């Protein structure tokens, strides 16, 4: 079992994140992916974070990557 601080590591990606996926691993929707992570620790990264919590000033990219590059390979 992962410690609480280890569970959060998936959301702390570098500024530029590069992912390499097989075309057969791409699913049509988020609901299709949910059974794959049921009962597991999973983090879904959708892009740069946005917050206006600090003095109501909008900040973009505080957490998570600023750029995501995805390469898709054929099987």
PDB file of N, CA and C in Angstrom:
ATOM      1  N   UNK A   1       0.840  -1.191   0.000  1.00  0.00           N
ATOM      2  CA  UNK A   1       0.000   0.000   0.000  1.00  0.00           C
ATOM      3  C   UNK A   1       0.878   1.245   0.000  1.00  0.00           C
ATOM      4  N   UNK A   2       0.483   2.232  -0.768  1.00  0.00           N
ATOM      5  CA  UNK A   2       1.259   3.471  -0.860  1.00  0.00           C
ATOM      6  C   UNK A   2       0.994   4.364   0.339  1.00  0.00           C
ATOM      7  N   UNK A   3       2.025   5.074   0.751  1.00  0.00           N
ATOM      8  CA  UNK A   3       1.856   6.087   1.789  1.00  0.00           C
ATOM      9  C   UNK A   3       1.097   7.267   1.188  1.00  0.00           C
ATOM     10  N   UNK A   4       0.465   8.075   2.044  1.00  0.00           N
ATOM     11  CA  UNK A   4      -0.354   9.202   1.568  1.00  0.00           C
ATOM     12  C   UNK A   4       0.438  10.145   0.675  1.00  0.00           C
ATOM     13  N   UNK A   5       1.696  10.447   1.021  1.00  0.00           N
ATOM     14  CA  UNK A   5       2.475  11.371   0.192  1.00  0.00           C
ATOM     15  C   UNK A   5       2.841  10.755  -1.154  1.00  0.00           C
ATOM     16  N   UNK A   6       2.993   9.432  -1.222  1.00  0.00           N
ATOM     17  CA  UNK A   6       3.295   8.774  -2.495  1.00  0.00           C
ATOM     18  C   UNK A   6       2.093   8.792  -3.431  1.00  0.00           C
ATOM     19  N   UNK A   7       0.891   8.749  -2.882  1.00  0.00           N
ATOM     20  CA  UNK A   7      -0.309   8.768  -3.714  1.00  0.00           C
ATOM     21  C   UNK A   7      -0.429  10.073  -4.492  1.00  0.00           C
ATOM     22  N   UNK A   8       0.119  11.148  -3.970  1.00  0.00           N
ATOM     23  CA  UNK A   8       0.016  12.454  -4.616  1.00  0.00           C
ATOM     24  C   UNK A   8       1.071  12.681  -5.680  1.00  0.00           C
ATOM     25  N   UNK A   9       2.073  11.819  -5.776  1.00  0.00           N
ATOM     26  CA  UNK A   9       3.175  12.039  -6.716  1.00  0.00           C
ATOM     27  C   UNK A   9       2.722  12.086  -8.169  1.00  0.00           C
ATOM     28  N   UNK A  10       1.646  11.392  -8.522  1.00  0.00           N
ATOM     29  CA  UNK A  10       1.169  11.398  -9.900  1.00  0.00           C
ATOM     30  C   UNK A  10       0.716  12.760 -10.375  1.00  0.00           C
ATOM     31  N   UNK A  11       0.326  13.635  -9.444  1.00  0.00           N
ATOM     32  CA  UNK A  11      -0.117  14.971  -9.846  1.00  0.00           C
ATOM     33  C   UNK A  11       1.044  15.954  -9.937  1.00  0.00           C
ATOM     34  N   UNK A  12       2.230  15.537  -9.565  1.00  0.00           N
ATOM     35  CA  UNK A  12       3.386  16.433  -9.575  1.00  0.00           C
ATOM     36  C   UNK A  12       4.306  16.114 -10.743  1.00  0.00           C
ATOM     37  N   UNK A  13       3.771  16.227 -11.925  1.00  0.00           N
ATOM     38  CA  UNK A  13       4.541  15.952 -13.132  1.00  0.00           C
ATOM     39  C   UNK A  13       5.441  17.134 -13.461  1.00  0.00           C
ATOM     40  N   UNK A  14       6.471  16.924 -14.262  1.00  0.00           N
ATOM     41  CA  UNK A  14       7.338  18.031 -14.656  1.00  0.00           C
ATOM     42  C   UNK A  14       6.593  19.040 -15.530  1.00  0.00           C
ATOM     43  N   UNK A  15       7.192  20.207 -15.715  1.00  0.00           N
ATOM     44  CA  UNK A  15       6.564  21.265 -16.524  1.00  0.00           C
ATOM     45  C   UNK A  15       6.156  20.771 -17.902  1.00  0.00           C
ATOM     46  N   UNK A  16       7.007  19.972 -18.529  1.00  0.00           N
ATOM     47  CA  UNK A  16       6.696  19.386 -19.836  1.00  0.00           C
ATOM     48  C   UNK A  16       6.597  17.884 -19.644  1.00  0.00           C
ATOM     49  N   UNK A  17       5.421  17.334 -19.936  1.00  0.00           N
ATOM     50  CA  UNK A  17       5.189  15.901 -19.760  1.00  0.00           C
ATOM     51  C   UNK A  17       5.063  15.259 -21.137  1.00  0.00           C
ATOM     52  N   UNK A  18       5.794  14.171 -21.344  1.00  0.00           N
ATOM     53  CA  UNK A  18       5.741  13.439 -22.606  1.00  0.00           C
ATOM     54  C   UNK A  18       5.189  12.049 -22.314  1.00  0.00           C
ATOM     55  N   UNK A  19       4.148  11.665 -23.046  1.00  0.00           N
ATOM     56  CA  UNK A  19       3.543  10.342 -22.885  1.00  0.00           C
ATOM     57  C   UNK A  19       3.605   9.613 -24.214  1.00  0.00           C
ATOM     58  N   UNK A  20       3.894   8.317 -24.153  1.00  0.00           N
ATOM     59  CA  UNK A  20       3.903   7.469 -25.346  1.00  0.00           C
ATOM     60  C   UNK A  20       2.848   6.393 -25.110  1.00  0.00           C
ATOM     61  N   UNK A  21       1.845   6.348 -25.990  1.00  0.00           N
ATOM     62  CA  UNK A  21       0.729   5.421 -25.840  1.00  0.00           C
ATOM     63  C   UNK A  21       0.591   4.526 -27.052  1.00  0.00           C
ATOM     64  N   UNK A  22       0.111   3.310 -26.825  1.00  0.00           N
ATOM     65  CA  UNK A  22      -0.285   2.442 -27.933  1.00  0.00           C
ATOM     66  C   UNK A  22      -1.677   2.878 -28.370  1.00  0.00           C
ATOM     67  N   UNK A  23      -1.941   2.860 -29.647  1.00  0.00           N
ATOM     68  CA  UNK A  23      -3.255   3.295 -30.133  1.00  0.00           C
ATOM     69  C   UNK A  23      -4.379   2.451 -29.533  1.00  0.00           C
ATOM     70  N   UNK A  24      -4.100   1.182 -29.221  1.00  0.00           N
ATOM     71  CA  UNK A  24      -5.134   0.313 -28.651  1.00  0.00           C
ATOM     72  C   UNK A  24      -5.423   0.630 -27.185  1.00  0.00           C
ATOM     73  N   UNK A  25      -4.570   1.420 -26.552  1.00  0.00           N
ATOM     74  CA  UNK A  25      -4.788   1.795 -25.154  1.00  0.00           C
ATOM     75  C   UNK A  25      -5.662   3.040 -24.998  1.00  0.00           C
ATOM     76  N   UNK A  26      -6.002   3.684 -26.098  1.00  0.00           N
ATOM     77  CA  UNK A  26      -6.828   4.896 -26.031  1.00  0.00           C
ATOM     78  C   UNK A  26      -8.296   4.495 -25.995  1.00  0.00           C
ATOM     79  N   UNK A  27      -8.997   5.019 -25.015  1.00  0.00           N
ATOM     80  CA  UNK A  27     -10.412   4.709 -24.844  1.00  0.00           C
ATOM     81  C   UNK A  27     -11.260   5.881 -25.313  1.00  0.00           C
ATOM     82  N   UNK A  28     -12.521   5.623 -25.697  1.00  0.00           N
ATOM     83  CA  UNK A  28     -13.355   6.689 -26.249  1.00  0.00           C
ATOM     84  C   UNK A  28     -13.812   7.741 -25.243  1.00  0.00           C
ATOM     85  N   UNK A  29     -13.846   7.387 -23.950  1.00  0.00           N
ATOM     86  CA  UNK A  29     -14.341   8.363 -22.977  1.00  0.00           C
ATOM     87  C   UNK A  29     -13.805   8.059 -21.586  1.00  0.00           C
ATOM     88  N   UNK A  30     -13.916   9.029 -20.702  1.00  0.00           N
ATOM     89  CA  UNK A  30     -13.498   8.847 -19.318  1.00  0.00           C
ATOM     90  C   UNK A  30     -14.294   7.741 -18.624  1.00  0.00           C
ATOM     91  N   UNK A  31     -15.623   7.673 -18.798  1.00  0.00           N
ATOM     92  CA  UNK A  31     -16.364   6.571 -18.164  1.00  0.00           C
ATOM     93  C   UNK A  31     -15.863   5.188 -18.590  1.00  0.00           C
ATOM     94  N   UNK A  32     -15.343   5.059 -19.809  1.00  0.00           N
ATOM     95  CA  UNK A  32     -14.787   3.783 -20.247  1.00  0.00           C
ATOM     96  C   UNK A  32     -13.507   3.420 -19.487  1.00  0.00           C
ATOM     97  N   UNK A  33     -12.792   4.417 -18.986  1.00  0.00           N
ATOM     98  CA  UNK A  33     -11.545   4.182 -18.268  1.00  0.00           C
ATOM     99  C   UNK A  33     -11.762   3.877 -16.789  1.00  0.00           C
ATOM    100  N   UNK A  34     -12.875   4.262 -16.244  1.00  0.00           N
ATOM    101  CA  UNK A  34     -13.104   4.116 -14.811  1.00  0.00           C
ATOM    102  C   UNK A  34     -12.992   2.677 -14.304  1.00  0.00           C
ATOM    103  N   UNK A  35     -13.514   1.663 -15.005  1.00  0.00           N
ATOM    104  CA  UNK A  35     -13.352   0.294 -14.502  1.00  0.00           C
ATOM    105  C   UNK A  35     -11.882  -0.139 -14.389  1.00  0.00           C
ATOM    106  N   UNK A  36     -11.009   0.449 -15.192  1.00  0.00           N
ATOM    107  CA  UNK A  36      -9.591   0.080 -15.149  1.00  0.00           C
ATOM    108  C   UNK A  36      -8.901   0.551 -13.880  1.00  0.00           C
ATOM    109  N   UNK A  37      -9.425   1.593 -13.243  1.00  0.00           N
ATOM    110  CA  UNK A  37      -8.779   2.152 -12.056  1.00  0.00           C
ATOM    111  C   UNK A  37      -9.591   1.927 -10.777  1.00  0.00           C
ATOM    112  N   UNK A  38     -10.700   1.237 -10.872  1.00  0.00           N
ATOM    113  CA  UNK A  38     -11.533   0.998  -9.695  1.00  0.00           C
ATOM    114  C   UNK A  38     -10.719   0.260  -8.623  1.00  0.00           C
ATOM    115  N   UNK A  39     -10.724   0.795  -7.423  1.00  0.00           N
ATOM    116  CA  UNK A  39      -9.992   0.194  -6.316  1.00  0.00           C
ATOM    117  C   UNK A  39      -8.503   0.493  -6.322  1.00  0.00           C
ATOM    118  N   UNK A  40      -8.038   1.317  -7.259  1.00  0.00           N
ATOM    119  CA  UNK A  40      -6.619   1.668  -7.349  1.00  0.00           C
ATOM    120  C   UNK A  40      -6.458   3.170  -7.144  1.00  0.00           C
ATOM    121  N   UNK A  41      -5.257   3.587  -6.827  1.00  0.00           N
ATOM    122  CA  UNK A  41      -4.956   5.014  -6.738  1.00  0.00           C
ATOM    123  C   UNK A  41      -4.678   5.517  -8.144  1.00  0.00           C
ATOM    124  N   UNK A  42      -5.457   6.480  -8.601  1.00  0.00           N
ATOM    125  CA  UNK A  42      -5.290   6.994  -9.958  1.00  0.00           C
ATOM    126  C   UNK A  42      -5.411   8.512  -9.953  1.00  0.00           C
ATOM    127  N   UNK A  43      -4.661   9.138 -10.831  1.00  0.00           N
ATOM    128  CA  UNK A  43      -4.723  10.587 -11.000  1.00  0.00           C
ATOM    129  C   UNK A  43      -4.960  10.855 -12.475  1.00  0.00           C
ATOM    130  N   UNK A  44      -5.978  11.630 -12.791  1.00  0.00           N
ATOM    131  CA  UNK A  44      -6.255  12.020 -14.175  1.00  0.00           C
ATOM    132  C   UNK A  44      -5.753  13.441 -14.370  1.00  0.00           C
ATOM    133  N   UNK A  45      -4.815  13.619 -15.287  1.00  0.00           N
ATOM    134  CA  UNK A  45      -4.246  14.929 -15.585  1.00  0.00           C
ATOM    135  C   UNK A  45      -4.898  15.420 -16.871  1.00  0.00           C
ATOM    136  N   UNK A  46      -5.567  16.553 -16.799  1.00  0.00           N
ATOM    137  CA  UNK A  46      -6.269  17.070 -17.973  1.00  0.00           C
ATOM    138  C   UNK A  46      -5.611  18.308 -18.554  1.00  0.00           C
ATOM    139  N   UNK A  47      -4.611  18.820 -17.899  1.00  0.00           N
ATOM    140  CA  UNK A  47      -3.932  20.020 -18.375  1.00  0.00           C
ATOM    141  C   UNK A  47      -3.520  20.886 -17.203  1.00  0.00           C
ATOM    142  N   UNK A  48      -3.050  22.087 -17.452  1.00  0.00           N
ATOM    143  CA  UNK A  48      -2.597  22.960 -16.372  1.00  0.00           C
ATOM    144  C   UNK A  48      -3.728  23.291 -15.402  1.00  0.00           C
ATOM    145  N   UNK A  49      -3.369  23.376 -14.133  1.00  0.00           N
ATOM    146  CA  UNK A  49      -4.368  23.744 -13.133  1.00  0.00           C
ATOM    147  C   UNK A  49      -4.684  25.236 -13.235  1.00  0.00           C
ATOM    148  N   UNK A  50      -5.821  25.586 -12.671  1.00  0.00           N
ATOM    149  CA  UNK A  50      -6.222  26.996 -12.607  1.00  0.00           C
ATOM    150  C   UNK A  50      -6.716  27.252 -11.196  1.00  0.00           C
ATOM    151  N   UNK A  51      -6.305  28.339 -10.607  1.00  0.00           N
ATOM    152  CA  UNK A  51      -6.803  28.702  -9.289  1.00  0.00           C
ATOM    153  C   UNK A  51      -6.874  30.216  -9.177  1.00  0.00           C
ATOM    154  N   UNK A  52      -7.834  30.672  -8.407  1.00  0.00           N
ATOM    155  CA  UNK A  52      -7.951  32.100  -8.097  1.00  0.00           C
ATOM    156  C   UNK A  52      -8.064  32.256  -6.588  1.00  0.00           C
ATOM    157  N   UNK A  53      -7.546  31.278  -5.857  1.00  0.00           N
ATOM    158  CA  UNK A  53      -7.642  31.282  -4.401  1.00  0.00           C
ATOM    159  C   UNK A  53      -6.756  32.329  -3.744  1.00  0.00           C
ATOM    160  N   UNK A  54      -5.643  32.651  -4.377  1.00  0.00           N
ATOM    161  CA  UNK A  54      -4.682  33.575  -3.770  1.00  0.00           C
ATOM    162  C   UNK A  54      -5.057  35.000  -4.146  1.00  0.00           C
ATOM    163  N   UNK A  55      -5.652  35.701  -3.220  1.00  0.00           N
ATOM    164  CA  UNK A  55      -6.070  37.093  -3.412  1.00  0.00           C
ATOM    165  C   UNK A  55      -6.899  37.279  -4.672  1.00  0.00           C
ATOM    166  N   UNK A  56      -7.673  36.239  -5.036  1.00  0.00           N
ATOM    167  CA  UNK A  56      -8.578  36.284  -6.187  1.00  0.00           C
ATOM    168  C   UNK A  56      -7.858  36.615  -7.495  1.00  0.00           C
ATOM    169  N   UNK A  57      -6.579  36.272  -7.574  1.00  0.00           N
ATOM    170  CA  UNK A  57      -5.796  36.470  -8.791  1.00  0.00           C
ATOM    171  C   UNK A  57      -5.678  35.124  -9.492  1.00  0.00           C
ATOM    172  N   UNK A  58      -6.052  35.085 -10.777  1.00  0.00           N
ATOM    173  CA  UNK A  58      -6.006  33.837 -11.529  1.00  0.00           C
ATOM    174  C   UNK A  58      -4.570  33.410 -11.778  1.00  0.00           C
ATOM    175  N   UNK A  59      -4.266  32.188 -11.382  1.00  0.00           N
ATOM    176  CA  UNK A  59      -2.956  31.585 -11.643  1.00  0.00           C
ATOM    177  C   UNK A  59      -3.181  30.323 -12.442  1.00  0.00           C
ATOM    178  N   UNK A  60      -2.421  30.142 -13.505  1.00  0.00           N
ATOM    179  CA  UNK A  60      -2.549  28.964 -14.359  1.00  0.00           C
ATOM    180  C   UNK A  60      -1.254  28.167 -14.287  1.00  0.00           C
ATOM    181  N   UNK A  61      -1.389  26.850 -14.161  1.00  0.00           N
ATOM    182  CA  UNK A  61      -0.224  25.972 -14.174  1.00  0.00           C
ATOM    183  C   UNK A  61       0.511  25.871 -12.862  1.00  0.00           C
ATOM    184  N   UNK A  62      -0.197  26.064 -11.749  1.00  0.00           N
ATOM    185  CA  UNK A  62       0.441  25.953 -10.442  1.00  0.00           C
ATOM    186  C   UNK A  62       0.798  24.502 -10.156  1.00  0.00           C
ATOM    187  N   UNK A  63      -0.086  23.578 -10.491  1.00  0.00           N
ATOM    188  CA  UNK A  63       0.131  22.149 -10.293  1.00  0.00           C
ATOM    189  C   UNK A  63      -0.004  21.465 -11.642  1.00  0.00           C
ATOM    190  N   UNK A  64       0.733  20.400 -11.813  1.00  0.00           N
ATOM    191  CA  UNK A  64       0.630  19.661 -13.063  1.00  0.00           C
ATOM    192  C   UNK A  64       1.470  20.286 -14.162  1.00  0.00           C
ATOM    193  N   UNK A  65       1.509  19.644 -15.310  1.00  0.00           N
ATOM    194  CA  UNK A  65       2.365  20.113 -16.402  1.00  0.00           C
ATOM    195  C   UNK A  65       1.793  21.345 -17.102  1.00  0.00           C
ATOM    196  N   UNK A  66       2.692  22.155 -17.645  1.00  0.00           N
ATOM    197  CA  UNK A  66       2.262  23.287 -18.470  1.00  0.00           C
ATOM    198  C   UNK A  66       2.072  22.848 -19.916  1.00  0.00           C
ATOM    199  N   UNK A  67       2.826  21.830 -20.340  1.00  0.00           N
ATOM    200  CA  UNK A  67       2.710  21.285 -21.692  1.00  0.00           C
ATOM    201  C   UNK A  67       2.596  19.772 -21.607  1.00  0.00           C
ATOM    202  N   UNK A  68       1.706  19.211 -22.423  1.00  0.00           N
ATOM    203  CA  UNK A  68       1.573  17.762 -22.521  1.00  0.00           C
ATOM    204  C   UNK A  68       1.748  17.379 -23.982  1.00  0.00           C
ATOM    205  N   UNK A  69       2.713  16.498 -24.254  1.00  0.00           N
ATOM    206  CA  UNK A  69       2.945  16.006 -25.608  1.00  0.00           C
ATOM    207  C   UNK A  69       2.672  14.508 -25.601  1.00  0.00           C
ATOM    208  N   UNK A  70       1.769  14.072 -26.460  1.00  0.00           N
ATOM    209  CA  UNK A  70       1.390  12.664 -26.510  1.00  0.00           C
ATOM    210  C   UNK A  70       1.780  12.091 -27.874  1.00  0.00           C
ATOM    211  N   UNK A  71       2.530  11.015 -27.849  1.00  0.00           N
ATOM    212  CA  UNK A  71       2.893  10.306 -29.058  1.00  0.00           C
ATOM    213  C   UNK A  71       2.132   8.985 -29.065  1.00  0.00           C
ATOM    214  N   UNK A  72       1.453   8.693 -30.161  1.00  0.00           N
ATOM    215  CA  UNK A  72       0.656   7.478 -30.278  1.00  0.00           C
ATOM    216  C   UNK A  72       1.344   6.552 -31.266  1.00  0.00           C
ATOM    217  N   UNK A  73       1.583   5.316 -30.818  1.00  0.00           N
ATOM    218  CA  UNK A  73       2.221   4.336 -31.674  1.00  0.00           C
ATOM    219  C   UNK A  73       1.210   3.327 -32.183  1.00  0.00           C
ATOM    220  N   UNK A  74       1.447   2.800 -33.362  1.00  0.00           N
ATOM    221  CA  UNK A  74       0.612   1.723 -33.893  1.00  0.00           C
ATOM    222  C   UNK A  74       1.125   0.412 -33.320  1.00  0.00           C
ATOM    223  N   UNK A  75       0.232  -0.529 -33.190  1.00  0.00           N
ATOM    224  CA  UNK A  75       0.640  -1.838 -32.646  1.00  0.00           C
ATOM    225  C   UNK A  75       1.177  -2.729 -33.737  1.00  0.00           C
TER     226      UNK A  75
END
